[in-house]
N, C-alpha and C. Protein backbone atom coordinates (compact mmCIF):
# COMPACT_ATOMS: atom_id res chain seq x y z
N MET A 1 59.98 108.26 4.97
CA MET A 1 58.93 108.29 5.95
C MET A 1 57.82 109.22 5.46
N LEU A 2 56.60 108.85 5.72
CA LEU A 2 55.44 109.60 5.27
C LEU A 2 55.29 110.88 6.09
N ASN A 3 55.20 112.01 5.40
CA ASN A 3 54.94 113.29 6.04
C ASN A 3 53.43 113.38 6.24
N ILE A 4 52.98 113.15 7.48
CA ILE A 4 51.56 113.07 7.78
C ILE A 4 50.84 114.38 7.46
N ASP A 5 51.45 115.51 7.79
CA ASP A 5 50.79 116.79 7.53
C ASP A 5 50.54 116.99 6.04
N ALA A 6 51.54 116.69 5.22
CA ALA A 6 51.39 116.83 3.77
C ALA A 6 50.38 115.82 3.23
N PHE A 7 50.41 114.60 3.77
CA PHE A 7 49.44 113.57 3.36
C PHE A 7 48.02 114.04 3.66
N LEU A 8 47.80 114.61 4.84
CA LEU A 8 46.46 115.06 5.22
C LEU A 8 45.98 116.20 4.33
N ILE A 9 46.88 117.07 3.93
CA ILE A 9 46.50 118.15 3.00
C ILE A 9 46.01 117.55 1.69
N ARG A 10 46.74 116.55 1.18
CA ARG A 10 46.33 115.91 -0.07
C ARG A 10 45.02 115.13 0.11
N LEU A 11 44.84 114.49 1.26
CA LEU A 11 43.61 113.76 1.54
C LEU A 11 42.42 114.72 1.58
N GLU A 12 42.58 115.84 2.26
CA GLU A 12 41.51 116.84 2.32
C GLU A 12 41.23 117.43 0.94
N GLN A 13 42.28 117.62 0.15
CA GLN A 13 42.12 118.12 -1.22
C GLN A 13 41.33 117.12 -2.05
N LEU A 14 41.64 115.84 -1.90
CA LEU A 14 40.93 114.79 -2.63
C LEU A 14 39.45 114.78 -2.24
N MET A 15 39.18 114.91 -0.95
CA MET A 15 37.80 114.93 -0.48
C MET A 15 37.06 116.16 -1.02
N GLU A 16 37.72 117.31 -0.99
CA GLU A 16 37.10 118.55 -1.49
C GLU A 16 36.83 118.48 -2.98
N ASN A 17 37.81 117.99 -3.75
CA ASN A 17 37.65 117.89 -5.20
C ASN A 17 36.50 116.97 -5.59
N ASN A 18 36.23 115.97 -4.76
CA ASN A 18 35.14 115.03 -5.03
C ASN A 18 33.88 115.37 -4.24
N GLN A 19 33.89 116.52 -3.59
CA GLN A 19 32.76 117.03 -2.82
C GLN A 19 32.25 116.01 -1.82
N LEU A 20 33.18 115.47 -1.02
CA LEU A 20 32.84 114.46 -0.03
C LEU A 20 33.23 114.96 1.36
N ASN A 21 32.30 114.78 2.32
CA ASN A 21 32.68 115.03 3.70
C ASN A 21 33.32 113.75 4.23
N ALA A 22 33.76 113.76 5.48
CA ALA A 22 34.47 112.60 6.03
C ALA A 22 33.61 111.35 6.01
N ALA A 23 32.33 111.48 6.34
CA ALA A 23 31.43 110.31 6.37
C ALA A 23 31.24 109.73 4.96
N ALA A 24 31.02 110.59 3.97
CA ALA A 24 30.83 110.11 2.60
C ALA A 24 32.11 109.51 2.05
N PHE A 25 33.25 110.11 2.40
CA PHE A 25 34.54 109.58 1.97
C PHE A 25 34.76 108.19 2.55
N ALA A 26 34.47 108.04 3.84
CA ALA A 26 34.64 106.74 4.50
C ALA A 26 33.77 105.69 3.83
N GLU A 27 32.54 106.04 3.51
CA GLU A 27 31.64 105.09 2.86
C GLU A 27 32.15 104.72 1.48
N LYS A 28 32.66 105.70 0.75
CA LYS A 28 33.13 105.45 -0.62
C LYS A 28 34.32 104.50 -0.65
N ILE A 29 35.24 104.63 0.32
CA ILE A 29 36.41 103.74 0.31
C ILE A 29 36.19 102.49 1.14
N GLY A 30 35.06 102.40 1.84
CA GLY A 30 34.73 101.18 2.57
C GLY A 30 35.40 101.03 3.92
N VAL A 31 35.51 102.14 4.66
CA VAL A 31 36.05 102.08 6.02
C VAL A 31 35.05 102.73 6.97
N GLN A 32 35.27 102.55 8.26
CA GLN A 32 34.40 103.18 9.24
C GLN A 32 34.64 104.68 9.27
N ARG A 33 33.58 105.44 9.58
CA ARG A 33 33.71 106.89 9.66
C ARG A 33 34.74 107.29 10.71
N SER A 34 34.79 106.54 11.79
CA SER A 34 35.75 106.88 12.85
C SER A 34 37.19 106.76 12.36
N SER A 35 37.45 105.84 11.45
CA SER A 35 38.81 105.70 10.90
C SER A 35 39.25 106.98 10.21
N VAL A 36 38.38 107.52 9.37
CA VAL A 36 38.70 108.76 8.66
C VAL A 36 38.83 109.91 9.65
N SER A 37 37.90 109.98 10.60
CA SER A 37 37.92 111.04 11.61
C SER A 37 39.22 111.01 12.42
N HIS A 38 39.64 109.83 12.83
CA HIS A 38 40.87 109.71 13.62
C HIS A 38 42.11 110.08 12.82
N ILE A 39 42.11 109.77 11.55
CA ILE A 39 43.25 110.13 10.69
C ILE A 39 43.27 111.64 10.47
N LEU A 40 42.11 112.22 10.17
CA LEU A 40 42.04 113.66 9.92
C LEU A 40 42.39 114.48 11.17
N SER A 41 42.09 113.93 12.34
CA SER A 41 42.40 114.63 13.58
C SER A 41 43.81 114.34 14.09
N ARG A 42 44.56 113.57 13.33
CA ARG A 42 45.94 113.18 13.65
C ARG A 42 46.05 112.25 14.86
N ARG A 43 44.93 111.66 15.24
CA ARG A 43 44.97 110.68 16.34
C ARG A 43 45.65 109.40 15.88
N ASN A 44 45.34 108.96 14.65
CA ASN A 44 45.92 107.75 14.07
C ASN A 44 46.63 108.10 12.77
N LYS A 45 47.58 107.28 12.41
CA LYS A 45 48.23 107.39 11.10
C LYS A 45 47.52 106.46 10.14
N PRO A 46 47.51 106.78 8.85
CA PRO A 46 46.84 105.92 7.88
C PRO A 46 47.58 104.59 7.72
N SER A 47 46.82 103.52 7.67
CA SER A 47 47.41 102.19 7.47
C SER A 47 47.64 101.96 5.98
N LEU A 48 48.39 100.95 5.66
CA LEU A 48 48.60 100.57 4.27
C LEU A 48 47.27 100.22 3.63
N GLU A 49 46.43 99.50 4.35
CA GLU A 49 45.12 99.13 3.82
C GLU A 49 44.28 100.37 3.50
N PHE A 50 44.31 101.37 4.36
CA PHE A 50 43.58 102.61 4.14
C PHE A 50 44.06 103.30 2.86
N ILE A 51 45.37 103.38 2.69
CA ILE A 51 45.95 104.03 1.51
C ILE A 51 45.62 103.24 0.25
N LEU A 52 45.67 101.91 0.33
CA LEU A 52 45.32 101.09 -0.83
C LEU A 52 43.86 101.27 -1.23
N LYS A 53 42.98 101.43 -0.26
CA LYS A 53 41.55 101.64 -0.56
C LYS A 53 41.34 102.98 -1.25
N ILE A 54 42.05 104.00 -0.82
CA ILE A 54 41.96 105.31 -1.49
C ILE A 54 42.42 105.18 -2.93
N HIS A 55 43.56 104.55 -3.11
CA HIS A 55 44.13 104.39 -4.45
C HIS A 55 43.19 103.60 -5.36
N ALA A 56 42.54 102.57 -4.82
CA ALA A 56 41.65 101.74 -5.62
C ALA A 56 40.38 102.50 -6.02
N GLU A 57 39.93 103.41 -5.20
CA GLU A 57 38.65 104.08 -5.44
C GLU A 57 38.78 105.36 -6.26
N PHE A 58 39.91 106.03 -6.16
CA PHE A 58 40.08 107.32 -6.83
C PHE A 58 41.19 107.23 -7.86
N GLU A 59 40.82 107.36 -9.12
CA GLU A 59 41.78 107.25 -10.22
C GLU A 59 42.87 108.30 -10.12
N GLU A 60 42.52 109.50 -9.66
CA GLU A 60 43.50 110.58 -9.60
C GLU A 60 44.47 110.45 -8.44
N ALA A 61 44.24 109.52 -7.54
CA ALA A 61 45.08 109.38 -6.35
C ALA A 61 46.11 108.27 -6.56
N ASP A 62 47.08 108.54 -7.44
CA ASP A 62 48.13 107.53 -7.60
C ASP A 62 49.07 107.61 -6.39
N PHE A 63 49.85 106.56 -6.18
CA PHE A 63 50.68 106.46 -4.99
C PHE A 63 51.71 107.58 -4.88
N ASP A 64 52.33 107.96 -5.99
CA ASP A 64 53.35 109.01 -5.95
C ASP A 64 52.75 110.32 -5.43
N TRP A 65 51.56 110.65 -5.92
CA TRP A 65 50.92 111.89 -5.47
C TRP A 65 50.42 111.75 -4.03
N LEU A 66 49.74 110.67 -3.75
CA LEU A 66 49.12 110.50 -2.44
C LEU A 66 50.16 110.44 -1.32
N LEU A 67 51.23 109.71 -1.53
CA LEU A 67 52.23 109.53 -0.47
C LEU A 67 53.32 110.58 -0.48
N LEU A 68 53.74 111.01 -1.66
CA LEU A 68 54.91 111.88 -1.77
C LEU A 68 54.61 113.28 -2.29
N GLY A 69 53.41 113.48 -2.84
CA GLY A 69 53.07 114.78 -3.40
C GLY A 69 53.62 115.02 -4.78
N VAL A 70 54.13 113.98 -5.42
CA VAL A 70 54.68 114.11 -6.77
C VAL A 70 53.50 114.21 -7.74
N PRO A 71 53.42 115.31 -8.51
CA PRO A 71 52.28 115.46 -9.42
C PRO A 71 52.28 114.40 -10.51
N GLN A 72 51.07 114.04 -10.92
CA GLN A 72 50.93 113.07 -12.01
C GLN A 72 51.30 113.75 -13.32
N HIS A 73 51.97 113.00 -14.18
CA HIS A 73 52.28 113.51 -15.51
C HIS A 73 51.45 112.73 -16.52
N LYS A 74 50.73 113.47 -17.32
CA LYS A 74 49.95 112.83 -18.37
C LYS A 74 50.86 112.59 -19.57
N PRO A 75 50.69 111.46 -20.25
CA PRO A 75 51.53 111.23 -21.43
C PRO A 75 51.20 112.24 -22.52
N PRO A 76 52.18 112.59 -23.34
CA PRO A 76 51.91 113.56 -24.40
C PRO A 76 50.89 113.01 -25.39
N THR A 77 50.13 113.92 -26.00
CA THR A 77 49.15 113.50 -26.99
C THR A 77 49.87 113.17 -28.30
N LEU A 78 49.18 112.47 -29.18
CA LEU A 78 49.77 112.08 -30.45
C LEU A 78 49.67 113.17 -31.51
N ASP A 79 48.85 114.19 -31.27
CA ASP A 79 48.67 115.28 -32.22
C ASP A 79 49.89 116.20 -32.16
N SER A 80 50.67 116.24 -33.23
CA SER A 80 51.90 117.04 -33.24
C SER A 80 51.61 118.53 -33.27
N ASN A 81 50.38 118.93 -33.62
CA ASN A 81 50.02 120.34 -33.65
C ASN A 81 49.53 120.83 -32.29
N ASP A 82 49.39 119.95 -31.34
CA ASP A 82 48.90 120.29 -30.01
C ASP A 82 49.99 121.05 -29.26
N LYS A 83 49.69 122.26 -28.83
CA LYS A 83 50.67 123.11 -28.14
C LYS A 83 50.39 123.17 -26.64
N SER A 84 49.55 122.28 -26.12
CA SER A 84 49.25 122.29 -24.69
C SER A 84 50.48 121.86 -23.90
N PRO A 85 50.57 122.27 -22.63
CA PRO A 85 51.75 121.88 -21.82
C PRO A 85 51.95 120.38 -21.75
N GLU A 86 50.84 119.61 -21.72
CA GLU A 86 50.97 118.16 -21.65
C GLU A 86 51.65 117.60 -22.89
N ALA A 87 51.39 118.21 -24.05
CA ALA A 87 51.97 117.71 -25.30
C ALA A 87 53.45 118.06 -25.40
N GLN A 88 53.91 119.03 -24.64
CA GLN A 88 55.29 119.47 -24.74
C GLN A 88 56.21 118.78 -23.72
N ILE A 89 55.65 117.93 -22.90
CA ILE A 89 56.46 117.22 -21.91
C ILE A 89 57.35 116.22 -22.62
N GLU A 90 58.63 116.26 -22.31
CA GLU A 90 59.56 115.29 -22.87
C GLU A 90 59.85 114.24 -21.83
N PHE A 91 59.62 113.00 -22.17
CA PHE A 91 59.88 111.91 -21.25
C PHE A 91 61.23 111.32 -21.56
N PRO A 92 61.97 110.91 -20.53
CA PRO A 92 63.28 110.31 -20.79
C PRO A 92 63.11 108.98 -21.53
N PRO A 93 64.12 108.60 -22.31
CA PRO A 93 64.02 107.33 -23.01
C PRO A 93 63.93 106.17 -22.02
N THR A 94 63.23 105.14 -22.44
CA THR A 94 63.08 103.97 -21.59
C THR A 94 64.42 103.25 -21.48
N GLU A 95 64.79 102.96 -20.26
CA GLU A 95 66.07 102.30 -19.99
C GLU A 95 65.90 100.80 -20.17
N VAL A 96 66.82 100.19 -20.89
CA VAL A 96 66.79 98.74 -21.06
C VAL A 96 67.53 98.13 -19.89
N LYS A 97 66.84 97.29 -19.15
CA LYS A 97 67.44 96.68 -17.96
C LYS A 97 68.26 95.45 -18.38
N GLN A 98 69.48 95.39 -17.89
CA GLN A 98 70.34 94.25 -18.13
C GLN A 98 70.18 93.27 -16.97
N PRO A 99 70.30 91.98 -17.23
CA PRO A 99 70.20 91.03 -16.13
C PRO A 99 71.33 91.24 -15.12
N LEU A 100 71.02 91.04 -13.85
CA LEU A 100 72.04 91.18 -12.82
C LEU A 100 73.01 90.01 -12.92
N THR A 101 74.29 90.32 -12.80
CA THR A 101 75.29 89.27 -12.95
C THR A 101 75.78 88.75 -11.61
N ASN A 102 75.89 89.61 -10.64
CA ASN A 102 76.40 89.21 -9.33
C ASN A 102 75.28 89.20 -8.30
N GLN A 103 74.27 88.43 -8.54
CA GLN A 103 73.15 88.38 -7.60
C GLN A 103 73.58 87.66 -6.33
N LYS A 104 73.07 88.15 -5.21
CA LYS A 104 73.35 87.53 -3.92
C LYS A 104 72.04 87.01 -3.35
N THR A 105 72.16 85.91 -2.64
CA THR A 105 70.98 85.43 -1.94
C THR A 105 70.83 86.24 -0.67
N ILE A 106 69.66 86.17 -0.06
CA ILE A 106 69.39 86.95 1.16
C ILE A 106 70.40 86.59 2.25
N THR A 107 70.82 85.35 2.32
CA THR A 107 71.76 84.95 3.37
C THR A 107 73.16 85.51 3.12
N GLU A 108 73.49 85.86 1.88
CA GLU A 108 74.81 86.40 1.57
C GLU A 108 74.90 87.91 1.79
N ILE A 109 73.77 88.58 1.93
CA ILE A 109 73.76 90.02 2.10
C ILE A 109 74.07 90.34 3.55
N ASN A 110 74.87 91.37 3.77
CA ASN A 110 75.17 91.81 5.13
C ASN A 110 73.91 92.42 5.71
N THR A 111 73.27 91.72 6.64
CA THR A 111 71.98 92.15 7.18
C THR A 111 72.11 93.00 8.44
N THR A 112 73.31 93.41 8.82
CA THR A 112 73.45 94.20 10.04
C THR A 112 72.80 95.56 9.91
N GLU A 113 72.63 96.08 8.70
CA GLU A 113 72.02 97.39 8.51
C GLU A 113 70.56 97.30 8.12
N ILE A 114 70.08 96.14 7.71
CA ILE A 114 68.70 95.99 7.29
C ILE A 114 67.84 95.72 8.51
N THR A 115 66.77 96.51 8.67
CA THR A 115 65.87 96.30 9.80
C THR A 115 64.67 95.46 9.41
N GLN A 116 64.19 95.63 8.18
CA GLN A 116 63.10 94.80 7.70
C GLN A 116 62.96 94.95 6.18
N ILE A 117 62.41 93.94 5.56
CA ILE A 117 62.11 93.96 4.13
C ILE A 117 60.61 93.73 4.01
N ILE A 118 59.92 94.61 3.29
CA ILE A 118 58.48 94.49 3.11
C ILE A 118 58.21 94.19 1.65
N GLN A 119 57.46 93.12 1.40
CA GLN A 119 57.10 92.73 0.05
C GLN A 119 55.60 92.95 -0.08
N VAL A 120 55.18 93.86 -1.00
CA VAL A 120 53.78 94.21 -1.17
C VAL A 120 53.26 93.57 -2.46
N TYR A 121 52.08 92.94 -2.38
CA TYR A 121 51.49 92.26 -3.52
C TYR A 121 50.36 93.11 -4.11
N LYS A 122 49.99 92.83 -5.36
CA LYS A 122 48.97 93.60 -6.05
C LYS A 122 47.62 93.55 -5.35
N ASP A 123 47.32 92.49 -4.62
CA ASP A 123 46.02 92.38 -3.96
C ASP A 123 45.97 93.14 -2.64
N GLY A 124 47.02 93.88 -2.30
CA GLY A 124 47.04 94.68 -1.09
C GLY A 124 47.63 93.98 0.12
N THR A 125 47.93 92.71 0.01
CA THR A 125 48.56 92.00 1.12
C THR A 125 50.06 92.24 1.09
N PHE A 126 50.72 91.96 2.20
CA PHE A 126 52.15 92.15 2.24
C PHE A 126 52.78 91.18 3.24
N ASP A 127 54.08 90.94 3.08
CA ASP A 127 54.87 90.12 3.98
C ASP A 127 56.00 90.98 4.51
N VAL A 128 56.35 90.79 5.77
CA VAL A 128 57.47 91.50 6.38
C VAL A 128 58.51 90.47 6.75
N PHE A 129 59.74 90.68 6.32
CA PHE A 129 60.85 89.81 6.61
C PHE A 129 61.83 90.55 7.50
N MET A 130 62.19 89.94 8.61
CA MET A 130 63.11 90.55 9.55
C MET A 130 64.40 89.72 9.54
N PRO A 131 65.57 90.38 9.56
CA PRO A 131 66.81 89.61 9.59
C PRO A 131 66.95 88.87 10.93
N LYS A 132 67.62 87.74 10.87
CA LYS A 132 67.85 86.98 12.09
C LYS A 132 68.83 87.73 12.98
N SER A 133 68.59 87.69 14.28
CA SER A 133 69.46 88.40 15.22
C SER A 133 70.74 87.66 15.47
């Protein structure tokens, strides 16, 4: 679940770093000023569309940071003499994914614990699937 207070701190930080007030921020991401105002005042929670617009407009606002506060990691540089902290980051080896052998169809899965499945597409649209009662 999204921690609204932490999200708002990151949103305000993003606005401050880009020297934008609420009105300029709203214009930059293409929403009404009242939308930003209502979110900042905690009247409304940010919608998926709002978050996607922020992500699309600001390169530094990746989803992990924006939603969870996980800092972005820059890939290490290729210069072996570089002693900067970014160059010293060790990334775990890439895991080779094996094909699933015992795949189940949606009807075979025990849906008594599933409340909904959300499928999000690259264009920002999404589908919500609810189990049959």
